[in-house]
Amino acid sequence: GEVFAETKRRLIGDCAVASAFLSYCGPFNQEFRQRLVNQEIFEDLLRRKIPVSTAGGENANKPFGLTQFLSDPITVGEWAMQSLPSDPLSIENGILVTRSSRYPLLVDPQGQALQWIRAKEAARLPGFGVTSLDHPRFREQLEWCMAEGLSLIAQLECEDQLDPMILDPVLG
């Protein structure tokens, strides 16, 4: 009874941390994600006296485990079978891909997330596979995938620019 009531009381803060992670942390590396969650979001909730779960013990000044809150061991195991590595950054990327309500933007310097998404979405990928934003027929590829209900993986290099005229109506 008491444990359940306390867990329920902290649920609003826990959901706020999880929502902020899903909304803001995708484009950042592991170190900056941790800084945002631990120092900015979590501490802001504490300052506002919003109940939130902590890691407990020596880590009482840090939030609970986000990966455990937003996923489960069975799902993480399925991701591993689809070739997603089990390091924390990869698990967070998996959560961002599967839990985000909008398109995920991921930092993937080693191409591991791309390999995993290809395996995960293999049945829903178009015949041309992965495309790029500078492909001469990108607009037609995007329209065709949307009309057919297919997944479109558009690889973006760091120096590429997103053309808002093409993507804003789709991603907004």
N, C-alpha and C. Protein backbone atom coordinates (compact mmCIF):
# COMPACT_ATOMS: atom_id res chain seq x y z
N GLY A 1 0.77 -1.19 0.00
CA GLY A 1 0.00 0.00 0.00
C GLY A 1 0.83 1.27 0.00
N GLU A 2 1.75 1.40 0.98
CA GLU A 2 2.53 2.64 1.09
C GLU A 2 3.49 2.80 -0.08
N VAL A 3 4.12 1.71 -0.48
CA VAL A 3 5.07 1.77 -1.60
C VAL A 3 4.34 2.17 -2.88
N PHE A 4 3.18 1.59 -3.09
CA PHE A 4 2.39 1.92 -4.29
C PHE A 4 1.98 3.40 -4.27
N ALA A 5 1.53 3.88 -3.13
CA ALA A 5 1.09 5.28 -3.01
C ALA A 5 2.27 6.22 -3.29
N GLU A 6 3.45 5.90 -2.79
CA GLU A 6 4.63 6.74 -3.01
C GLU A 6 5.06 6.70 -4.47
N THR A 7 5.00 5.53 -5.09
CA THR A 7 5.34 5.40 -6.51
C THR A 7 4.36 6.22 -7.35
N LYS A 8 3.10 6.15 -7.01
CA LYS A 8 2.06 6.91 -7.71
C LYS A 8 2.28 8.41 -7.55
N ARG A 9 2.69 8.84 -6.36
CA ARG A 9 2.93 10.25 -6.09
C ARG A 9 4.09 10.78 -6.95
N ARG A 10 5.11 9.98 -7.17
CA ARG A 10 6.29 10.39 -7.94
C ARG A 10 6.11 10.22 -9.45
N LEU A 11 5.02 9.62 -9.86
CA LEU A 11 4.83 9.31 -11.28
C LEU A 11 4.82 10.56 -12.16
N ILE A 12 4.26 11.64 -11.68
CA ILE A 12 4.22 12.87 -12.50
C ILE A 12 5.64 13.37 -12.81
N GLY A 13 6.51 13.36 -11.84
CA GLY A 13 7.90 13.78 -12.07
C GLY A 13 8.64 12.81 -12.96
N ASP A 14 8.41 11.51 -12.74
CA ASP A 14 9.05 10.50 -13.57
C ASP A 14 8.64 10.64 -15.04
N CYS A 15 7.35 10.88 -15.25
CA CYS A 15 6.85 11.07 -16.62
C CYS A 15 7.41 12.36 -17.23
N ALA A 16 7.58 13.39 -16.42
CA ALA A 16 8.15 14.64 -16.92
C ALA A 16 9.59 14.44 -17.38
N VAL A 17 10.38 13.69 -16.61
CA VAL A 17 11.76 13.41 -17.00
C VAL A 17 11.77 12.59 -18.29
N ALA A 18 10.94 11.56 -18.35
CA ALA A 18 10.89 10.70 -19.54
C ALA A 18 10.44 11.49 -20.77
N SER A 19 9.43 12.35 -20.61
CA SER A 19 8.94 13.15 -21.73
C SER A 19 9.99 14.12 -22.22
N ALA A 20 10.68 14.75 -21.30
CA ALA A 20 11.75 15.68 -21.68
C ALA A 20 12.87 14.94 -22.41
N PHE A 21 13.21 13.76 -21.94
CA PHE A 21 14.24 12.96 -22.62
C PHE A 21 13.81 12.66 -24.05
N LEU A 22 12.59 12.19 -24.23
CA LEU A 22 12.10 11.85 -25.57
C LEU A 22 12.02 13.07 -26.48
N SER A 23 11.68 14.21 -25.91
CA SER A 23 11.49 15.42 -26.71
C SER A 23 12.78 16.13 -27.07
N TYR A 24 13.77 16.11 -26.19
CA TYR A 24 14.91 16.99 -26.37
C TYR A 24 16.27 16.30 -26.52
N CYS A 25 16.42 15.06 -26.12
CA CYS A 25 17.75 14.47 -26.03
C CYS A 25 18.24 13.74 -27.27
N GLY A 26 17.40 13.45 -28.24
CA GLY A 26 17.79 12.67 -29.41
C GLY A 26 19.03 13.13 -30.14
N PRO A 27 19.14 14.40 -30.48
CA PRO A 27 20.28 14.82 -31.31
C PRO A 27 21.60 14.95 -30.57
N PHE A 28 21.65 14.60 -29.30
CA PHE A 28 22.86 14.83 -28.52
C PHE A 28 23.60 13.53 -28.20
N ASN A 29 24.88 13.67 -27.88
CA ASN A 29 25.68 12.51 -27.51
C ASN A 29 25.37 12.09 -26.07
N GLN A 30 25.92 10.97 -25.66
CA GLN A 30 25.64 10.38 -24.35
C GLN A 30 25.96 11.35 -23.21
N GLU A 31 27.09 11.99 -23.27
CA GLU A 31 27.51 12.90 -22.20
C GLU A 31 26.53 14.07 -22.04
N PHE A 32 26.14 14.68 -23.15
CA PHE A 32 25.24 15.81 -23.07
C PHE A 32 23.83 15.37 -22.67
N ARG A 33 23.41 14.19 -23.12
CA ARG A 33 22.10 13.67 -22.70
C ARG A 33 22.07 13.52 -21.18
N GLN A 34 23.13 12.94 -20.62
CA GLN A 34 23.18 12.75 -19.16
C GLN A 34 23.16 14.10 -18.44
N ARG A 35 23.87 15.07 -18.98
CA ARG A 35 23.89 16.40 -18.36
C ARG A 35 22.49 17.01 -18.38
N LEU A 36 21.81 16.92 -19.53
CA LEU A 36 20.45 17.46 -19.62
C LEU A 36 19.52 16.81 -18.61
N VAL A 37 19.55 15.48 -18.56
CA VAL A 37 18.63 14.75 -17.68
C VAL A 37 18.99 14.96 -16.22
N ASN A 38 20.27 14.76 -15.87
CA ASN A 38 20.69 14.80 -14.46
C ASN A 38 20.78 16.20 -13.88
N GLN A 39 21.32 17.13 -14.65
CA GLN A 39 21.59 18.46 -14.09
C GLN A 39 20.51 19.48 -14.41
N GLU A 40 19.91 19.38 -15.56
CA GLU A 40 18.94 20.41 -15.94
C GLU A 40 17.51 19.99 -15.58
N ILE A 41 17.05 18.92 -16.18
CA ILE A 41 15.65 18.51 -16.02
C ILE A 41 15.36 18.04 -14.60
N PHE A 42 16.16 17.09 -14.11
CA PHE A 42 15.94 16.51 -12.79
C PHE A 42 16.05 17.58 -11.70
N GLU A 43 17.10 18.39 -11.75
CA GLU A 43 17.28 19.42 -10.72
C GLU A 43 16.19 20.47 -10.79
N ASP A 44 15.69 20.76 -11.99
CA ASP A 44 14.58 21.71 -12.12
C ASP A 44 13.33 21.18 -11.42
N LEU A 45 13.05 19.89 -11.58
CA LEU A 45 11.90 19.30 -10.90
C LEU A 45 12.06 19.38 -9.39
N LEU A 46 13.28 19.11 -8.90
CA LEU A 46 13.51 19.19 -7.46
C LEU A 46 13.32 20.62 -6.95
N ARG A 47 13.83 21.61 -7.69
CA ARG A 47 13.66 23.02 -7.29
C ARG A 47 12.18 23.40 -7.23
N ARG A 48 11.40 22.85 -8.13
CA ARG A 48 9.97 23.16 -8.18
C ARG A 48 9.15 22.29 -7.21
N LYS A 49 9.86 21.43 -6.48
CA LYS A 49 9.24 20.53 -5.50
C LYS A 49 8.23 19.57 -6.15
N ILE A 50 8.56 19.13 -7.35
CA ILE A 50 7.74 18.13 -8.03
C ILE A 50 8.31 16.76 -7.65
N PRO A 51 7.50 15.88 -7.10
CA PRO A 51 8.00 14.57 -6.69
C PRO A 51 8.53 13.78 -7.88
N VAL A 52 9.71 13.20 -7.73
CA VAL A 52 10.34 12.43 -8.79
C VAL A 52 11.18 11.32 -8.14
N SER A 53 11.24 10.17 -8.79
CA SER A 53 12.03 9.06 -8.26
C SER A 53 13.51 9.34 -8.43
N THR A 54 14.28 8.84 -7.51
CA THR A 54 15.74 8.97 -7.59
C THR A 54 16.35 7.58 -7.75
N ALA A 55 17.63 7.57 -8.06
CA ALA A 55 18.33 6.29 -8.20
C ALA A 55 18.52 5.63 -6.85
N GLY A 56 18.44 6.40 -5.77
CA GLY A 56 18.54 5.86 -4.42
C GLY A 56 19.98 5.70 -3.96
N GLY A 57 20.15 5.45 -2.66
CA GLY A 57 21.47 5.24 -2.08
C GLY A 57 22.39 6.41 -2.32
N GLU A 58 23.62 6.09 -2.76
CA GLU A 58 24.62 7.13 -3.03
C GLU A 58 24.18 8.04 -4.18
N ASN A 59 23.31 7.54 -5.04
CA ASN A 59 22.86 8.29 -6.21
C ASN A 59 21.53 8.97 -5.98
N ALA A 60 21.22 9.34 -4.74
CA ALA A 60 19.94 9.95 -4.42
C ALA A 60 19.77 11.31 -5.09
N ASN A 61 20.87 11.89 -5.56
CA ASN A 61 20.77 13.18 -6.25
C ASN A 61 20.69 13.00 -7.76
N LYS A 62 20.44 11.79 -8.23
CA LYS A 62 20.30 11.50 -9.66
C LYS A 62 18.93 10.85 -9.89
N PRO A 63 18.38 11.03 -11.10
CA PRO A 63 17.07 10.44 -11.37
C PRO A 63 17.13 8.92 -11.51
N PHE A 64 15.98 8.33 -11.45
CA PHE A 64 15.82 6.90 -11.65
C PHE A 64 16.36 6.49 -13.02
N GLY A 65 16.42 5.20 -13.30
CA GLY A 65 16.90 4.71 -14.59
C GLY A 65 15.88 4.91 -15.70
N LEU A 66 16.16 5.83 -16.60
CA LEU A 66 15.24 6.11 -17.70
C LEU A 66 15.05 4.91 -18.61
N THR A 67 16.13 4.18 -18.88
CA THR A 67 16.00 3.05 -19.79
C THR A 67 15.08 1.98 -19.21
N GLN A 68 15.10 1.80 -17.90
CA GLN A 68 14.19 0.84 -17.28
C GLN A 68 12.75 1.36 -17.27
N PHE A 69 12.59 2.66 -17.17
CA PHE A 69 11.26 3.27 -17.15
C PHE A 69 10.60 3.23 -18.53
N LEU A 70 11.41 3.41 -19.58
CA LEU A 70 10.88 3.53 -20.94
C LEU A 70 10.99 2.26 -21.77
N SER A 71 11.58 1.23 -21.22
CA SER A 71 11.70 -0.04 -21.96
C SER A 71 11.65 -1.20 -20.97
N ASP A 72 11.77 -2.39 -21.50
CA ASP A 72 11.80 -3.57 -20.65
C ASP A 72 12.86 -4.54 -21.19
N PRO A 73 13.32 -5.47 -20.37
CA PRO A 73 14.39 -6.37 -20.81
C PRO A 73 14.05 -7.20 -22.05
N ILE A 74 12.80 -7.57 -22.22
CA ILE A 74 12.41 -8.37 -23.39
C ILE A 74 12.57 -7.55 -24.66
N THR A 75 12.12 -6.31 -24.63
CA THR A 75 12.25 -5.43 -25.80
C THR A 75 13.72 -5.17 -26.12
N VAL A 76 14.52 -4.90 -25.11
CA VAL A 76 15.94 -4.66 -25.31
C VAL A 76 16.60 -5.92 -25.89
N GLY A 77 16.17 -7.10 -25.44
CA GLY A 77 16.67 -8.35 -26.00
C GLY A 77 16.30 -8.52 -27.46
N GLU A 78 15.07 -8.13 -27.82
CA GLU A 78 14.65 -8.18 -29.23
C GLU A 78 15.51 -7.25 -30.08
N TRP A 79 15.79 -6.06 -29.53
CA TRP A 79 16.65 -5.12 -30.25
C TRP A 79 18.03 -5.72 -30.48
N ALA A 80 18.55 -6.41 -29.48
CA ALA A 80 19.87 -7.04 -29.61
C ALA A 80 19.84 -8.09 -30.72
N MET A 81 18.74 -8.83 -30.82
CA MET A 81 18.62 -9.83 -31.89
C MET A 81 18.52 -9.17 -33.26
N GLN A 82 18.10 -7.91 -33.30
CA GLN A 82 18.02 -7.14 -34.54
C GLN A 82 19.32 -6.35 -34.78
N SER A 83 20.35 -6.67 -34.04
CA SER A 83 21.72 -6.13 -34.16
C SER A 83 21.94 -4.78 -33.49
N LEU A 84 21.09 -4.35 -32.57
CA LEU A 84 21.35 -3.13 -31.82
C LEU A 84 22.29 -3.48 -30.67
N PRO A 85 23.43 -2.80 -30.56
CA PRO A 85 24.34 -3.06 -29.44
C PRO A 85 23.67 -2.75 -28.10
N SER A 86 24.23 -3.27 -27.03
CA SER A 86 23.60 -3.12 -25.71
C SER A 86 24.23 -2.02 -24.86
N ASP A 87 25.03 -1.14 -25.46
CA ASP A 87 25.60 -0.02 -24.69
C ASP A 87 24.50 1.00 -24.41
N PRO A 88 24.67 1.83 -23.39
CA PRO A 88 23.61 2.78 -22.99
C PRO A 88 23.16 3.72 -24.11
N LEU A 89 24.08 4.25 -24.90
CA LEU A 89 23.70 5.16 -25.99
C LEU A 89 22.81 4.44 -27.00
N SER A 90 23.15 3.22 -27.35
CA SER A 90 22.35 2.47 -28.32
C SER A 90 20.96 2.16 -27.77
N ILE A 91 20.88 1.79 -26.50
CA ILE A 91 19.57 1.52 -25.88
C ILE A 91 18.73 2.80 -25.87
N GLU A 92 19.35 3.93 -25.53
CA GLU A 92 18.63 5.19 -25.56
C GLU A 92 18.16 5.51 -26.98
N ASN A 93 19.00 5.26 -27.98
CA ASN A 93 18.60 5.48 -29.36
C ASN A 93 17.41 4.59 -29.72
N GLY A 94 17.44 3.34 -29.26
CA GLY A 94 16.31 2.43 -29.50
C GLY A 94 15.03 2.95 -28.88
N ILE A 95 15.14 3.49 -27.69
CA ILE A 95 13.97 4.07 -27.02
C ILE A 95 13.46 5.27 -27.82
N LEU A 96 14.37 6.12 -28.26
CA LEU A 96 13.97 7.31 -29.03
C LEU A 96 13.27 6.92 -30.32
N VAL A 97 13.76 5.87 -30.98
CA VAL A 97 13.15 5.43 -32.24
C VAL A 97 11.77 4.85 -32.01
N THR A 98 11.60 4.07 -30.96
CA THR A 98 10.33 3.37 -30.75
C THR A 98 9.31 4.16 -29.94
N ARG A 99 9.75 5.11 -29.14
CA ARG A 99 8.83 5.83 -28.26
C ARG A 99 8.50 7.25 -28.70
N SER A 100 9.30 7.82 -29.58
CA SER A 100 9.05 9.20 -30.01
C SER A 100 7.82 9.27 -30.88
N SER A 101 7.00 10.29 -30.67
CA SER A 101 5.81 10.44 -31.49
C SER A 101 6.13 11.14 -32.80
N ARG A 102 7.28 11.78 -32.87
CA ARG A 102 7.72 12.44 -34.11
C ARG A 102 8.92 11.67 -34.64
N TYR A 103 9.44 12.12 -35.76
CA TYR A 103 10.59 11.45 -36.35
C TYR A 103 11.78 11.56 -35.40
N PRO A 104 12.55 10.50 -35.27
CA PRO A 104 13.72 10.59 -34.39
C PRO A 104 14.94 11.13 -35.15
N LEU A 105 15.68 11.99 -34.50
CA LEU A 105 16.95 12.47 -35.00
C LEU A 105 17.99 11.93 -34.05
N LEU A 106 18.87 11.07 -34.57
CA LEU A 106 19.84 10.38 -33.72
C LEU A 106 21.26 10.71 -34.11
N VAL A 107 22.13 10.77 -33.11
CA VAL A 107 23.56 10.84 -33.35
C VAL A 107 24.03 9.40 -33.44
N ASP A 108 24.61 9.05 -34.59
CA ASP A 108 24.98 7.66 -34.84
C ASP A 108 26.34 7.61 -35.54
N PRO A 109 27.42 7.97 -34.81
CA PRO A 109 28.72 8.08 -35.47
C PRO A 109 29.26 6.77 -36.04
N GLN A 110 28.86 5.64 -35.50
CA GLN A 110 29.38 4.35 -35.98
C GLN A 110 28.40 3.62 -36.89
N GLY A 111 27.24 4.19 -37.15
CA GLY A 111 26.28 3.57 -38.05
C GLY A 111 25.53 2.39 -37.45
N GLN A 112 25.61 2.21 -36.14
CA GLN A 112 24.94 1.07 -35.50
C GLN A 112 23.43 1.23 -35.50
N ALA A 113 22.95 2.45 -35.26
CA ALA A 113 21.50 2.68 -35.25
C ALA A 113 20.93 2.48 -36.65
N LEU A 114 21.64 2.93 -37.66
CA LEU A 114 21.19 2.75 -39.04
C LEU A 114 21.06 1.26 -39.37
N GLN A 115 22.06 0.48 -38.99
CA GLN A 115 22.02 -0.97 -39.23
C GLN A 115 20.82 -1.60 -38.51
N TRP A 116 20.58 -1.19 -37.27
CA TRP A 116 19.46 -1.74 -36.50
C TRP A 116 18.12 -1.34 -37.10
N ILE A 117 17.97 -0.07 -37.49
CA ILE A 117 16.70 0.38 -38.07
C ILE A 117 16.43 -0.35 -39.38
N ARG A 118 17.48 -0.57 -40.17
CA ARG A 118 17.31 -1.33 -41.41
C ARG A 118 16.78 -2.73 -41.12
N ALA A 119 17.34 -3.39 -40.11
CA ALA A 119 16.87 -4.74 -39.75
C ALA A 119 15.46 -4.69 -39.19
N LYS A 120 15.18 -3.70 -38.34
CA LYS A 120 13.86 -3.58 -37.71
C LYS A 120 12.77 -3.28 -38.73
N GLU A 121 13.06 -2.44 -39.70
CA GLU A 121 12.07 -1.99 -40.68
C GLU A 121 12.20 -2.70 -42.03
N ALA A 122 12.93 -3.79 -42.10
CA ALA A 122 13.22 -4.46 -43.38
C ALA A 122 11.96 -4.72 -44.21
N ALA A 123 10.89 -5.17 -43.59
CA ALA A 123 9.66 -5.50 -44.32
C ALA A 123 8.93 -4.24 -44.82
N ARG A 124 9.24 -3.08 -44.24
CA ARG A 124 8.53 -1.86 -44.60
C ARG A 124 9.39 -0.88 -45.40
N LEU A 125 10.60 -1.29 -45.77
CA LEU A 125 11.47 -0.41 -46.54
C LEU A 125 11.17 -0.53 -48.03
N PRO A 126 11.27 0.57 -48.77
CA PRO A 126 11.06 0.51 -50.22
C PRO A 126 12.22 -0.22 -50.90
N GLY A 127 12.02 -0.57 -52.15
CA GLY A 127 13.04 -1.29 -52.90
C GLY A 127 14.36 -0.57 -53.01
N PHE A 128 14.34 0.76 -53.02
CA PHE A 128 15.59 1.51 -53.14
C PHE A 128 16.33 1.61 -51.81
N GLY A 129 15.75 1.13 -50.73
CA GLY A 129 16.42 1.10 -49.43
C GLY A 129 16.58 2.46 -48.80
N VAL A 130 17.78 2.78 -48.40
CA VAL A 130 18.08 4.04 -47.74
C VAL A 130 18.40 5.10 -48.80
N THR A 131 17.96 6.31 -48.56
CA THR A 131 18.22 7.40 -49.49
C THR A 131 18.98 8.51 -48.76
N SER A 132 19.23 9.58 -49.44
CA SER A 132 19.87 10.74 -48.82
C SER A 132 19.09 11.98 -49.21
N LEU A 133 19.26 13.03 -48.45
CA LEU A 133 18.53 14.27 -48.70
C LEU A 133 18.96 14.95 -49.99
N ASP A 134 20.17 14.65 -50.46
CA ASP A 134 20.63 15.27 -51.70
C ASP A 134 20.37 14.39 -52.92
N HIS A 135 19.65 13.29 -52.75
CA HIS A 135 19.29 12.43 -53.89
C HIS A 135 18.40 13.24 -54.83
N PRO A 136 18.65 13.18 -56.14
CA PRO A 136 17.86 14.01 -57.07
C PRO A 136 16.36 13.71 -57.06
N ARG A 137 15.97 12.50 -56.64
CA ARG A 137 14.54 12.15 -56.61
C ARG A 137 14.01 12.00 -55.19
N PHE A 138 14.65 12.67 -54.24
CA PHE A 138 14.26 12.54 -52.83
C PHE A 138 12.79 12.88 -52.62
N ARG A 139 12.34 13.97 -53.20
CA ARG A 139 10.93 14.38 -53.01
C ARG A 139 9.98 13.30 -53.49
N GLU A 140 10.23 12.70 -54.67
CA GLU A 140 9.38 11.63 -55.19
C GLU A 140 9.45 10.39 -54.30
N GLN A 141 10.64 10.09 -53.79
CA GLN A 141 10.79 8.94 -52.89
C GLN A 141 9.97 9.15 -51.62
N LEU A 142 10.05 10.34 -51.06
CA LEU A 142 9.30 10.66 -49.86
C LEU A 142 7.80 10.55 -50.10
N GLU A 143 7.32 11.14 -51.19
CA GLU A 143 5.89 11.09 -51.50
C GLU A 143 5.42 9.66 -51.72
N TRP A 144 6.22 8.85 -52.42
CA TRP A 144 5.85 7.47 -52.70
C TRP A 144 5.77 6.66 -51.41
N CYS A 145 6.76 6.81 -50.54
CA CYS A 145 6.75 6.08 -49.27
C CYS A 145 5.56 6.47 -48.41
N MET A 146 5.25 7.76 -48.39
CA MET A 146 4.09 8.20 -47.61
C MET A 146 2.80 7.62 -48.18
N ALA A 147 2.66 7.62 -49.49
CA ALA A 147 1.44 7.11 -50.13
C ALA A 147 1.29 5.61 -49.91
N GLU A 148 2.40 4.89 -49.87
CA GLU A 148 2.37 3.44 -49.72
C GLU A 148 2.47 2.97 -48.27
N GLY A 149 2.64 3.90 -47.34
CA GLY A 149 2.77 3.54 -45.94
C GLY A 149 4.08 2.84 -45.61
N LEU A 150 5.13 3.18 -46.33
CA LEU A 150 6.44 2.56 -46.13
C LEU A 150 7.33 3.45 -45.27
N SER A 151 8.35 2.85 -44.71
CA SER A 151 9.34 3.61 -43.95
C SER A 151 10.35 4.19 -44.91
N LEU A 152 10.83 5.37 -44.60
CA LEU A 152 11.87 5.99 -45.42
C LEU A 152 13.01 6.37 -44.49
N ILE A 153 14.17 5.84 -44.78
CA ILE A 153 15.36 6.20 -44.03
C ILE A 153 16.16 7.16 -44.90
N ALA A 154 16.28 8.39 -44.44
CA ALA A 154 17.06 9.40 -45.16
C ALA A 154 18.30 9.70 -44.32
N GLN A 155 19.43 9.29 -44.83
CA GLN A 155 20.68 9.48 -44.12
C GLN A 155 21.14 10.91 -44.30
N LEU A 156 21.50 11.54 -43.21
CA LEU A 156 21.91 12.94 -43.21
C LEU A 156 23.34 13.02 -42.72
N GLU A 157 24.20 13.59 -43.52
CA GLU A 157 25.58 13.80 -43.10
C GLU A 157 25.64 15.13 -42.34
N CYS A 158 26.63 15.29 -41.51
CA CYS A 158 26.73 16.49 -40.67
C CYS A 158 26.70 17.78 -41.47
N GLU A 159 27.28 17.76 -42.65
CA GLU A 159 27.33 18.99 -43.43
C GLU A 159 26.07 19.24 -44.24
N ASP A 160 25.17 18.26 -44.31
CA ASP A 160 23.92 18.43 -45.06
C ASP A 160 22.99 19.41 -44.34
N GLN A 161 22.16 20.06 -45.12
CA GLN A 161 21.16 20.97 -44.59
C GLN A 161 19.78 20.39 -44.88
N LEU A 162 18.88 20.52 -43.93
CA LEU A 162 17.50 20.09 -44.14
C LEU A 162 16.76 21.18 -44.91
N ASP A 163 16.10 20.81 -46.00
CA ASP A 163 15.31 21.77 -46.76
C ASP A 163 13.92 21.85 -46.14
N PRO A 164 13.60 22.95 -45.47
CA PRO A 164 12.31 23.04 -44.78
C PRO A 164 11.12 22.97 -45.72
N MET A 165 11.28 23.34 -46.96
CA MET A 165 10.16 23.30 -47.91
C MET A 165 9.70 21.86 -48.18
N ILE A 166 10.61 20.91 -48.08
CA ILE A 166 10.27 19.52 -48.35
C ILE A 166 9.81 18.82 -47.07
N LEU A 167 10.55 18.99 -45.99
CA LEU A 167 10.31 18.18 -44.80
C LEU A 167 9.35 18.79 -43.77
N ASP A 168 9.26 20.10 -43.65
CA ASP A 168 8.40 20.70 -42.62
C ASP A 168 6.95 20.25 -42.70
N PRO A 169 6.32 20.20 -43.88
CA PRO A 169 4.92 19.76 -43.91
C PRO A 169 4.74 18.31 -43.46
N VAL A 170 5.76 17.50 -43.69
CA VAL A 170 5.69 16.08 -43.33
C VAL A 170 6.00 15.87 -41.87
N LEU A 171 7.05 16.53 -41.40
CA LEU A 171 7.54 16.28 -40.04
C LEU A 171 6.89 17.17 -38.99
N GLY A 172 6.22 18.22 -39.41
CA GLY A 172 5.64 19.18 -38.45
C GLY A 172 4.43 18.69 -37.73
